[in-house]
C-alpha cells in the first residue's frame, strides 16, 4: 500500500517501516499492527503519513489478505462487524488515559526490576510504554498527580515511574537537547534499581538504621551502576545517575563525595525528582507530605546540597497553577488561589470564604493539597 495519510490509517493495518517522531525517536516499530490506541499516539505526535505493508493482517482469519483494498475494513471480520456489510456502526474503545498508561508502566517496571538480576532489562519495551505515557504529559502535574491505585508493597515501582516522568519533564524545562530527554527518563526510572541487591529487611526497616545498615543501603548506588552497565540502549549519563544521585554539590554526599560539575546533570535532575516523590508518596510506615512543604524543603537544600539552578526551575515551573484552583490548607479550610508571588511560589494568597489568607505572612499554614 505504501505511504498513506493519517486520515486513511485504520486499526488492523500493518506498518511497513518504523514511525519516527519529529525528533527522530522510534514511535512505532515496523511490522506492528495498528491498534485503536496507536491512532491516538500518532495524532498526539502529529504524524501525517505512515508506510503500510502491501498485505493486511486480519485478526481471526488464516491466510486472508486485505484483497478488497478497503481502508475501512477492520480486524472484526469473524464477528461479521465489517462496516458496510452489516450496517452496524461499531464504536472504537476509549483511548487509554494517563492513569491507564501509568499503571501499565508500573506493571512493566515491576516485572523488569524483579527479573533484573537474572535477565537483561527489557529497555525497548519500557521505552515504548514510557512514550505512551508521555503522550499524556500535558495532563501530568507533579503537584497534583497521584496513582489511583497503589498497593503498599509497590511503592518502589511507583516511585521509579514518577521519578522518570518528573525527570523527563524537568529535562525539557531545563532546555536540555531533545536527545537527552528519554535518557533522563531512564535515569529516573532506574536510579534506585541497585536496591534489588540490598537486604530487603534493611531496605524496608521502619525504624532507625544502624551505621552498618546505613552503609549497606548506600551500596545501592554502586549496585545500580553495575546492573545498568550490562543494559543496552542506556547511555552513560543514565548509568551515572544511578551512581551519583545521592552526591551533593558541596561534596558531602555519597558514594564518591563528588561536588559541583563533577556530578552529571542527569544525576542532579534525578536527585530532585527522587527527593520530591520519596516525600510525597504514601509509604507503609509514613504518611505522604504536602507537596508544597516538600518544595520548600527542596529549596532549602539548594544551598549547598542540590543544584540551585535546577531547583529554581523545578519549583517555579511546577507551581505554575492557574489562579482559581481550589486547594486545601493545613487547617482543613478549602479556598482558591487568587495570587501567586513569583518570588514565593509555594506561598500564594488564598481566598477562603471571602477572606484573603496570605501564606507568606501566616507561616503556620501551608497548602496541604490541590483538589481541583
Protein backbone atom coordinates (compact mmCIF):
# COMPACT_ATOMS: atom_id res chain seq x y z
CA UNK A 1 0.00 0.00 0.00
CA UNK A 2 2.93 2.34 0.71
CA UNK A 3 2.60 5.81 2.22
CA UNK A 4 -0.89 6.87 3.23
CA UNK A 5 -2.16 9.90 5.13
CA UNK A 6 -3.18 9.64 8.76
CA UNK A 7 -6.84 10.12 7.84
CA UNK A 8 -6.63 6.89 5.80
CA UNK A 9 -4.99 4.87 8.56
CA UNK A 10 -7.30 2.34 10.21
CA UNK A 11 -6.78 -0.18 13.02
CA UNK A 12 -5.66 -3.54 11.62
CA UNK A 13 -3.15 -2.19 9.12
CA UNK A 14 0.47 -3.27 9.48
CA UNK A 15 3.36 -0.81 9.38
CA UNK A 16 5.82 -1.25 6.55
CA UNK A 17 8.54 0.79 8.26
CA UNK A 18 9.26 2.43 11.60
CA UNK A 19 7.25 5.51 12.52
CA UNK A 20 9.50 8.16 13.98
CA UNK A 21 8.75 11.30 15.98
CA UNK A 22 9.81 14.70 14.68
CA UNK A 23 12.90 14.33 16.88
CA UNK A 24 13.88 11.01 15.34
CA UNK A 25 12.72 8.68 18.13
CA UNK A 26 11.04 5.43 17.07
CA UNK A 27 7.37 5.76 17.97
CA UNK A 28 6.01 2.52 16.46
CA UNK A 29 8.08 -0.33 15.02
CA UNK A 30 7.94 -1.77 11.53
CA UNK A 31 5.56 -4.74 11.37
CA UNK A 32 3.34 -3.54 14.21
CA UNK A 33 -0.38 -3.99 13.67
CA UNK A 34 -2.04 -0.65 14.36
CA UNK A 35 -4.46 -0.69 17.29
CA UNK A 36 -7.03 1.99 18.20
CA UNK A 37 -4.74 3.32 20.94
CA UNK A 38 -1.94 3.73 18.37
CA UNK A 39 -4.15 6.12 16.41
CA UNK A 40 -4.21 8.44 19.42
CA UNK A 41 -0.43 8.20 19.71
CA UNK A 42 0.03 9.07 16.02
CA UNK A 43 -2.24 12.09 16.35
CA UNK A 44 -0.55 13.25 19.54
CA UNK A 45 2.86 13.18 17.85
CA UNK A 46 1.47 14.95 14.74
CA UNK A 47 2.37 12.14 12.37
CA UNK A 48 0.91 12.98 8.94
CA UNK A 49 1.86 9.89 6.90
CA UNK A 50 2.77 6.27 7.61
CA UNK A 51 4.12 3.45 5.47
CA UNK A 52 1.73 0.48 5.31
CA UNK A 53 2.62 -3.06 4.20
CA UNK A 54 1.06 -4.33 0.99
CA UNK A 55 -0.62 -7.19 2.86
CA UNK A 56 -3.03 -6.57 5.69
CA UNK A 57 -3.04 -8.64 8.86
CA UNK A 58 -6.64 -9.57 9.71
CA UNK A 59 -7.34 -10.97 13.14
CA UNK A 60 -9.19 -14.28 13.25
CA UNK A 61 -8.53 -15.36 9.66
CA UNK A 62 -5.95 -17.79 8.27
CA UNK A 63 -4.03 -16.62 5.24
CA UNK A 64 -6.66 -13.99 4.41
CA UNK A 65 -5.28 -10.89 2.74
CA UNK A 66 -6.88 -7.48 2.52
CA UNK A 67 -7.85 -8.19 -1.08
CA UNK A 68 -10.79 -5.80 -1.01
CA UNK A 69 -8.38 -2.91 -0.57
CA UNK A 70 -10.96 -1.08 1.53
CA UNK A 71 -9.31 1.20 4.06
CA UNK A 72 -12.44 1.00 6.19
CA UNK A 73 -12.31 -2.74 6.89
CA UNK A 74 -11.12 -3.82 10.33
CA UNK A 75 -9.99 -6.91 12.17
CA UNK A 76 -13.54 -7.77 13.22
CA UNK A 77 -14.40 -9.90 10.15
CA UNK A 78 -15.04 -13.06 12.12
CA UNK A 79 -17.78 -11.32 14.07
CA UNK A 80 -19.50 -10.03 10.96
CA UNK A 81 -18.95 -6.46 12.06
CA UNK A 82 -17.29 -5.13 8.93
CA UNK A 83 -18.61 -1.68 8.08
CA UNK A 84 -20.91 -1.74 5.04
CA UNK A 85 -21.61 -5.47 5.34
CA UNK A 86 -24.00 -5.49 8.29
CA UNK A 87 -24.76 -1.81 8.52
CA UNK A 88 -23.79 -1.79 12.17
CA UNK A 89 -21.63 1.05 13.44
CA UNK A 90 -19.01 -0.08 15.93
CA UNK A 91 -17.65 2.34 18.49
CA UNK A 92 -13.90 2.40 18.96
CA UNK A 93 -12.80 1.73 22.52
CA UNK A 94 -11.94 4.81 24.57
CA UNK A 95 -8.33 5.90 24.24
CA UNK A 96 -6.18 5.00 27.25
CA UNK A 97 -5.84 7.78 29.80
CA UNK A 98 -2.74 8.99 31.61
CA UNK A 99 -3.68 6.78 34.56
CA UNK A 100 -4.16 3.75 32.26
CA UNK A 101 -0.75 4.15 30.65
CA UNK A 102 0.85 4.95 34.01
CA UNK A 103 -0.48 1.72 35.53
CA UNK A 104 0.85 -0.29 32.58
CA UNK A 105 4.22 1.37 33.10
CA UNK A 106 4.26 0.49 36.80
CA UNK A 107 3.47 -3.15 35.95
CA UNK A 108 6.26 -3.36 33.35
CA UNK A 109 8.70 -1.69 35.74
CA UNK A 110 7.85 -4.14 38.50
CA UNK A 111 8.47 -7.14 36.22
CA UNK A 112 11.71 -5.61 34.92
CA UNK A 113 13.06 -4.86 38.40
CA UNK A 114 12.18 -8.28 39.81
CA UNK A 115 13.96 -10.05 36.96
CA UNK A 116 16.89 -7.64 36.55
CA UNK A 117 19.38 -9.78 38.49
CA UNK A 118 18.70 -12.84 36.33
CA UNK A 119 17.78 -11.37 32.94
CA UNK A 120 18.57 -8.43 30.70
CA UNK A 121 16.48 -5.33 31.29
CA UNK A 122 13.71 -5.04 28.63
CA UNK A 123 14.75 -1.48 27.79
CA UNK A 124 12.95 -1.27 24.45
CA UNK A 125 9.66 -2.47 25.93
CA UNK A 126 10.00 0.01 28.79
CA UNK A 127 10.83 2.81 26.35
CA UNK A 128 7.77 2.08 24.23
CA UNK A 129 5.50 2.27 27.27
CA UNK A 130 7.21 5.42 28.54
CA UNK A 131 6.48 7.05 25.18
CA UNK A 132 2.84 6.01 25.55
CA UNK A 133 2.78 7.77 28.93
CA UNK A 134 4.50 10.86 27.54
CA UNK A 135 1.67 11.28 25.02
CA UNK A 136 -0.33 12.46 28.05
CA UNK A 137 2.43 14.62 29.54
CA UNK A 138 0.30 17.78 29.29
CA UNK A 139 -2.10 16.17 31.79
CA UNK A 140 0.72 15.40 34.22
CA UNK A 141 1.27 17.89 37.05
CA UNK A 142 3.85 16.91 39.61
CA UNK A 143 1.94 18.62 42.43
CA UNK A 144 -1.46 17.09 41.71
CA UNK A 145 -0.90 13.68 40.12
CA UNK A 146 -1.31 10.66 42.35
CA UNK A 147 -1.79 6.99 41.44
CA UNK A 148 -5.43 5.95 41.54
CA UNK A 149 -4.39 2.51 42.77
CA UNK A 150 -1.26 1.80 44.82
CA UNK A 151 -0.56 -1.42 46.65
CA UNK A 152 1.54 -0.96 49.77
CA UNK A 153 4.46 -3.07 48.58
CA UNK A 154 4.55 -1.46 45.11
CA UNK A 155 5.90 1.84 46.40
CA UNK A 156 9.31 1.19 44.80
CA UNK A 157 7.83 0.86 41.30
CA UNK A 158 5.54 3.89 41.61
CA UNK A 159 8.49 5.92 42.87
CA UNK A 160 10.57 4.80 39.88
CA UNK A 161 7.91 5.67 37.29
CA UNK A 162 7.07 9.02 38.87
CA UNK A 163 10.79 9.87 39.05
CA UNK A 164 11.04 9.05 35.34
CA UNK A 165 8.09 11.30 34.45
CA UNK A 166 9.30 14.21 36.54
CA UNK A 167 12.91 13.86 35.35
CA UNK A 168 11.75 13.84 31.71
CA UNK A 169 9.65 16.97 32.29
CA UNK A 170 12.46 18.69 34.17
CA UNK A 171 14.90 17.92 31.35
CA UNK A 172 12.53 19.75 29.00
CA UNK A 173 12.16 22.67 31.41
CA UNK A 174 15.95 22.90 31.61
CA UNK A 175 16.12 23.09 27.79
CA UNK A 176 18.32 20.02 27.53
CA UNK A 177 18.67 18.74 23.94
CA UNK A 178 15.73 16.51 22.97
CA UNK A 179 18.10 13.55 22.51
CA UNK A 180 18.65 13.63 26.28
CA UNK A 181 15.00 13.54 27.35
CA UNK A 182 14.41 9.80 27.12
CA UNK A 183 17.79 9.04 28.65
CA UNK A 184 16.96 11.33 31.58
CA UNK A 185 13.68 9.43 31.93
CA UNK A 186 15.65 6.17 32.05
CA UNK A 187 17.90 7.75 34.66
CA UNK A 188 14.85 8.49 36.79
CA UNK A 189 13.34 5.06 36.21
CA UNK A 190 16.47 3.09 37.07
CA UNK A 191 18.19 5.31 39.65
CA UNK A 192 17.30 3.00 42.57
CA UNK A 193 17.49 -0.33 40.74
CA UNK A 194 20.54 -1.21 42.85
CA UNK A 195 18.18 -1.67 45.81
CA UNK A 196 17.45 -5.10 44.30
CA UNK A 197 20.78 -6.25 45.76
CA UNK A 198 20.19 -4.76 49.21
CA UNK A 199 18.82 -6.92 52.04
CA UNK A 200 15.01 -6.32 51.95
CA UNK A 201 14.82 -6.36 55.75
CA UNK A 202 17.20 -3.41 55.86
CA UNK A 203 15.62 -1.68 52.88
CA UNK A 204 12.12 -1.72 54.37
CA UNK A 205 13.05 -1.32 58.02
CA UNK A 206 10.62 1.25 59.53
CA UNK A 207 12.89 2.16 62.47
CA UNK A 208 16.25 3.94 62.59
CA UNK A 209 19.05 2.16 60.76
CA UNK A 210 22.34 1.25 62.42
CA UNK A 211 25.54 2.63 60.93
CA UNK A 212 26.23 -0.77 59.35
CA UNK A 213 22.76 -0.86 57.83
CA UNK A 214 23.15 2.69 56.54
CA UNK A 215 26.39 1.69 54.83
CA UNK A 216 24.65 -1.27 53.19
CA UNK A 217 21.85 1.00 51.93
CA UNK A 218 24.45 3.34 50.43
CA UNK A 219 25.83 0.50 48.36
CA UNK A 220 22.70 0.61 46.18
CA UNK A 221 24.27 3.38 44.11
CA UNK A 222 27.21 1.20 43.13
CA UNK A 223 25.00 -1.85 42.63
CA UNK A 224 22.75 0.17 40.32
CA UNK A 225 25.64 1.33 38.19
CA UNK A 226 26.89 -2.25 37.86
CA UNK A 227 23.44 -3.50 36.79
CA UNK A 228 22.99 -0.73 34.22
CA UNK A 229 26.47 -1.30 32.74
CA UNK A 230 25.04 -4.52 31.31
CA UNK A 231 21.94 -2.85 29.84
CA UNK A 232 21.67 -1.85 26.20
CA UNK A 233 20.20 1.41 24.86
CA UNK A 234 21.03 3.29 28.08
CA UNK A 235 23.74 5.93 27.90
CA UNK A 236 26.48 6.63 30.42
CA UNK A 237 24.60 9.60 31.86
CA UNK A 238 21.71 7.34 32.90
CA UNK A 239 24.17 4.91 34.48
CA UNK A 240 25.95 7.72 36.32
CA UNK A 241 22.62 8.97 37.67
CA UNK A 242 22.24 5.64 39.48
CA UNK A 243 25.73 6.05 40.92
CA UNK A 244 25.62 9.79 41.70
CA UNK A 245 22.04 10.75 42.64
CA UNK A 246 22.99 10.97 46.34
CA UNK A 247 26.04 13.16 45.71
CA UNK A 248 25.75 16.79 46.92
CA UNK A 249 27.13 19.87 45.20
CA UNK A 250 29.14 20.74 48.32
CA UNK A 251 30.87 17.32 48.30
CA UNK A 252 29.02 15.94 51.34
CA UNK A 253 27.15 13.18 49.51
CA UNK A 254 27.98 9.59 48.62
CA UNK A 255 29.45 7.27 47.40
CA UNK A 256 32.35 9.31 45.97
CA UNK A 257 31.95 12.73 47.66
CA UNK A 258 31.80 14.45 44.27
CA UNK A 259 31.00 18.15 44.08
CA UNK A 260 29.79 20.79 41.63
CA UNK A 261 30.42 20.00 37.99
CA UNK A 262 31.82 16.55 38.86
CA UNK A 263 28.20 15.41 39.23
CA UNK A 264 26.45 14.56 35.96
CA UNK A 265 23.47 16.79 35.14
CA UNK A 266 21.22 13.70 34.84
CA UNK A 267 22.09 12.84 38.45
CA UNK A 268 21.33 16.41 39.57
CA UNK A 269 17.90 16.27 37.91
CA UNK A 270 17.09 12.81 39.25
CA UNK A 271 18.16 13.82 42.77
CA UNK A 272 15.38 16.43 42.85
CA UNK A 273 12.73 14.08 41.44
CA UNK A 274 13.85 11.36 43.85
CA UNK A 275 13.51 13.57 46.93
CA UNK A 276 10.17 15.02 45.86
CA UNK A 277 8.47 11.69 45.21
CA UNK A 278 10.06 9.94 48.18
CA UNK A 279 8.42 12.51 50.44
CA UNK A 280 5.06 12.96 48.69
CA UNK A 281 4.26 9.27 48.10
CA UNK A 282 2.49 7.30 50.80
CA UNK A 283 4.65 4.66 52.48
CA UNK A 284 3.69 1.76 54.73
CA UNK A 285 5.23 3.45 57.77
CA UNK A 286 4.89 7.15 56.82
CA UNK A 287 2.17 9.48 55.58
CA UNK A 288 2.65 11.44 52.39
CA UNK A 289 3.79 15.02 52.98
CA UNK A 290 2.37 18.20 51.48
CA UNK A 291 3.96 18.77 48.05
CA UNK A 292 4.26 22.47 48.84
CA UNK A 293 6.19 21.82 52.04
CA UNK A 294 8.42 19.39 50.16
CA UNK A 295 9.15 22.06 47.56
CA UNK A 296 10.16 24.40 50.37
CA UNK A 297 12.48 21.77 51.78
CA UNK A 298 14.00 21.22 48.34
CA UNK A 299 14.53 24.99 48.09
CA UNK A 300 16.41 24.96 51.39
CA UNK A 301 18.50 22.03 50.13
CA UNK A 302 19.50 24.13 47.11
CA UNK A 303 22.05 25.94 49.28
CA UNK A 304 25.00 23.57 49.16
CA UNK A 305 23.21 20.28 48.53
CA UNK A 306 21.22 20.39 45.29
CA UNK A 307 21.91 22.33 42.10
CA UNK A 308 20.23 25.72 42.76
CA UNK A 309 19.55 26.47 39.08
CA UNK A 310 17.67 23.19 38.58
CA UNK A 311 15.81 23.61 41.88
CA UNK A 312 14.73 27.10 40.86
CA UNK A 313 13.31 25.85 37.55
CA UNK A 314 11.58 22.91 39.22
CA UNK A 315 9.88 24.99 41.91
CA UNK A 316 8.75 27.79 39.60
CA UNK A 317 7.52 25.59 36.75
CA UNK A 318 5.74 23.05 38.96
CA UNK A 319 3.86 25.79 40.85
CA UNK A 320 2.51 27.47 37.72
CA UNK A 321 -1.08 26.64 38.65
CA UNK A 322 -3.78 28.98 37.42
CA UNK A 323 -5.48 31.33 39.83
CA UNK A 324 -8.87 29.99 40.87
CA UNK A 325 -7.55 26.50 41.58
CA UNK A 326 -9.08 25.07 44.75
CA UNK A 327 -6.71 23.98 47.50
CA UNK A 328 -6.93 22.51 50.98
CA UNK A 329 -4.93 24.26 53.68
CA UNK A 330 -3.22 22.57 56.62
CA UNK A 331 -6.06 23.71 58.92
CA UNK A 332 -8.51 21.83 56.62
CA UNK A 333 -10.01 25.03 55.18
CA UNK A 334 -10.84 24.96 51.47
CA UNK A 335 -10.05 28.00 49.35
CA UNK A 336 -8.93 29.26 45.95
CA UNK A 337 -5.54 30.58 44.90
CA UNK A 338 -6.05 34.23 43.94
CA UNK A 339 -2.46 35.46 43.57
CA UNK A 340 0.97 33.84 43.31
CA UNK A 341 4.14 35.79 44.06
CA UNK A 342 6.95 34.87 41.66
CA UNK A 343 9.46 35.26 44.49
CA UNK A 344 7.49 32.96 46.81
CA UNK A 345 5.68 30.48 44.53
CA UNK A 346 4.92 27.96 47.29
CA UNK A 347 3.07 30.57 49.39
CA UNK A 348 0.36 32.21 47.32
CA UNK A 349 -2.65 34.20 48.55
CA UNK A 350 -5.70 32.01 49.10
CA UNK A 351 -9.30 33.18 49.36
CA UNK A 352 -11.32 31.27 51.98
CA UNK A 353 -14.99 32.24 52.15
CA UNK A 354 -14.19 35.78 51.09
CA UNK A 355 -11.20 36.22 53.41
CA UNK A 356 -7.74 36.51 51.83
CA UNK A 357 -5.08 34.43 53.58
CA UNK A 358 -1.54 35.46 52.71
CA UNK A 359 0.54 32.33 53.29
CA UNK A 360 3.72 34.42 53.25
CA UNK A 361 2.51 36.16 56.39
CA UNK A 362 0.72 33.23 58.01
CA UNK A 363 3.66 30.85 58.06
CA UNK A 364 1.89 28.44 60.41
CA UNK A 365 -0.36 27.48 57.46
CA UNK A 366 0.52 25.82 54.17
CA UNK A 367 -1.23 24.23 51.22
CA UNK A 368 -1.86 20.60 52.10
CA UNK A 369 -3.12 19.54 48.67
CA UNK A 370 -4.51 20.78 45.37
CA UNK A 371 -8.06 19.49 45.00
CA UNK A 372 -9.18 20.90 41.65
